[in-house]
């Protein structure tokens, strides 16, 4: 379980609602899976706030992201 709290000027933050051991799974990061080209189109003039970079391969532009901008899941507040 997680709770989302206001962290002042830093925005929202996700916090464990119960004690967890170090390295324990907390939750999945929920959102839409997008590629580098989709990221470039969506975020031309603004910096994304809820974008998790999963990494990329050896091919240029092959980066994969999870975009949680439209998600209401608490995981989008993980930082």
C-alpha atoms as a PDB file:
ATOM      1  CA  UNK A   1       0.000   0.000   0.000  1.00  0.00           C
ATOM      2  CA  UNK A   2       1.035   3.561  -0.715  1.00  0.00           C
ATOM      3  CA  UNK A   3      -0.227   7.011   0.101  1.00  0.00           C
ATOM      4  CA  UNK A   4       0.270  10.192  -1.895  1.00  0.00           C
ATOM      5  CA  UNK A   5       1.131  13.356   0.020  1.00  0.00           C
ATOM      6  CA  UNK A   6       1.673  16.969  -0.922  1.00  0.00           C
ATOM      7  CA  UNK A   7       5.394  17.767  -0.731  1.00  0.00           C
ATOM      8  CA  UNK A   8       5.066  21.524  -1.071  1.00  0.00           C
ATOM      9  CA  UNK A   9       7.019  23.079  -3.919  1.00  0.00           C
ATOM     10  CA  UNK A  10       8.172  19.619  -5.056  1.00  0.00           C
ATOM     11  CA  UNK A  11       4.614  18.493  -5.882  1.00  0.00           C
ATOM     12  CA  UNK A  12       3.202  15.128  -4.893  1.00  0.00           C
ATOM     13  CA  UNK A  13       5.182  12.227  -3.496  1.00  0.00           C
ATOM     14  CA  UNK A  14       4.339   8.555  -2.981  1.00  0.00           C
ATOM     15  CA  UNK A  15       5.104   7.053   0.408  1.00  0.00           C
ATOM     16  CA  UNK A  16       4.841   3.559   1.837  1.00  0.00           C
ATOM     17  CA  UNK A  17       1.739   3.244   4.006  1.00  0.00           C
ATOM     18  CA  UNK A  18       3.302   0.358   5.924  1.00  0.00           C
ATOM     19  CA  UNK A  19       6.791  -0.819   6.818  1.00  0.00           C
ATOM     20  CA  UNK A  20       8.628  -2.620   4.018  1.00  0.00           C
ATOM     21  CA  UNK A  21      11.929  -4.422   4.032  1.00  0.00           C
ATOM     22  CA  UNK A  22      14.713  -2.953   1.899  1.00  0.00           C
ATOM     23  CA  UNK A  23      14.431  -4.110  -1.712  1.00  0.00           C
ATOM     24  CA  UNK A  24      10.803  -5.235  -1.344  1.00  0.00           C
ATOM     25  CA  UNK A  25       8.470  -4.785  -4.329  1.00  0.00           C
ATOM     26  CA  UNK A  26       6.120  -1.844  -3.826  1.00  0.00           C
ATOM     27  CA  UNK A  27       4.026  -1.555  -6.991  1.00  0.00           C
ATOM     28  CA  UNK A  28       4.017  -1.419 -10.774  1.00  0.00           C
ATOM     29  CA  UNK A  29       4.449   1.975 -12.426  1.00  0.00           C
ATOM     30  CA  UNK A  30       1.228   2.355 -14.404  1.00  0.00           C
ATOM     31  CA  UNK A  31       0.834   4.326 -17.611  1.00  0.00           C
ATOM     32  CA  UNK A  32       1.041   4.138 -21.376  1.00  0.00           C
ATOM     33  CA  UNK A  33       4.130   2.548 -22.942  1.00  0.00           C
ATOM     34  CA  UNK A  34       5.557   4.916 -25.576  1.00  0.00           C
ATOM     35  CA  UNK A  35       8.712   5.102 -27.667  1.00  0.00           C
ATOM     36  CA  UNK A  36      11.193   7.909 -28.308  1.00  0.00           C
ATOM     37  CA  UNK A  37       9.274   9.284 -31.309  1.00  0.00           C
ATOM     38  CA  UNK A  38       6.017   9.520 -29.329  1.00  0.00           C
ATOM     39  CA  UNK A  39       7.858  11.229 -26.463  1.00  0.00           C
ATOM     40  CA  UNK A  40       9.314  13.791 -28.876  1.00  0.00           C
ATOM     41  CA  UNK A  41       5.851  14.636 -30.253  1.00  0.00           C
ATOM     42  CA  UNK A  42       4.118  14.847 -26.856  1.00  0.00           C
ATOM     43  CA  UNK A  43       6.764  16.904 -25.120  1.00  0.00           C
ATOM     44  CA  UNK A  44       7.968  19.396 -27.718  1.00  0.00           C
ATOM     45  CA  UNK A  45       7.716  22.493 -25.528  1.00  0.00           C
ATOM     46  CA  UNK A  46       7.409  21.109 -22.007  1.00  0.00           C
ATOM     47  CA  UNK A  47       9.343  18.789 -19.737  1.00  0.00           C
ATOM     48  CA  UNK A  48       7.343  15.621 -18.903  1.00  0.00           C
ATOM     49  CA  UNK A  49       6.384  15.254 -15.236  1.00  0.00           C
ATOM     50  CA  UNK A  50       5.295  11.621 -15.130  1.00  0.00           C
ATOM     51  CA  UNK A  51       7.601   9.863 -17.578  1.00  0.00           C
ATOM     52  CA  UNK A  52       9.592   6.811 -16.491  1.00  0.00           C
ATOM     53  CA  UNK A  53      12.474   5.885 -18.801  1.00  0.00           C
ATOM     54  CA  UNK A  54      12.837   2.116 -19.125  1.00  0.00           C
ATOM     55  CA  UNK A  55      15.970   2.330 -21.229  1.00  0.00           C
ATOM     56  CA  UNK A  56      16.926   1.829 -24.796  1.00  0.00           C
ATOM     57  CA  UNK A  57      18.733  -0.496 -27.066  1.00  0.00           C
ATOM     58  CA  UNK A  58      21.755  -0.051 -29.277  1.00  0.00           C
ATOM     59  CA  UNK A  59      19.657   1.462 -32.089  1.00  0.00           C
ATOM     60  CA  UNK A  60      19.304   5.257 -31.937  1.00  0.00           C
ATOM     61  CA  UNK A  61      15.797   6.316 -30.918  1.00  0.00           C
ATOM     62  CA  UNK A  62      14.853   2.910 -29.504  1.00  0.00           C
ATOM     63  CA  UNK A  63      14.226   4.198 -25.987  1.00  0.00           C
ATOM     64  CA  UNK A  64      11.049   3.042 -24.219  1.00  0.00           C
ATOM     65  CA  UNK A  65       9.081   5.001 -21.607  1.00  0.00           C
ATOM     66  CA  UNK A  66       5.998   4.674 -19.422  1.00  0.00           C
ATOM     67  CA  UNK A  67       3.972   7.889 -19.582  1.00  0.00           C
ATOM     68  CA  UNK A  68       1.714   8.237 -16.529  1.00  0.00           C
ATOM     69  CA  UNK A  69       0.413  11.726 -17.318  1.00  0.00           C
ATOM     70  CA  UNK A  70      -3.147  10.374 -17.730  1.00  0.00           C
ATOM     71  CA  UNK A  71      -2.895   7.783 -14.944  1.00  0.00           C
ATOM     72  CA  UNK A  72      -4.561   8.248 -11.579  1.00  0.00           C
ATOM     73  CA  UNK A  73      -2.482   5.456 -10.000  1.00  0.00           C
ATOM     74  CA  UNK A  74      -0.371   6.460  -6.982  1.00  0.00           C
ATOM     75  CA  UNK A  75       2.758   5.161  -8.702  1.00  0.00           C
ATOM     76  CA  UNK A  76       2.976   8.288 -10.846  1.00  0.00           C
ATOM     77  CA  UNK A  77       4.049  10.204  -7.715  1.00  0.00           C
ATOM     78  CA  UNK A  78       7.100   7.967  -7.177  1.00  0.00           C
ATOM     79  CA  UNK A  79      10.299   9.966  -7.582  1.00  0.00           C
END
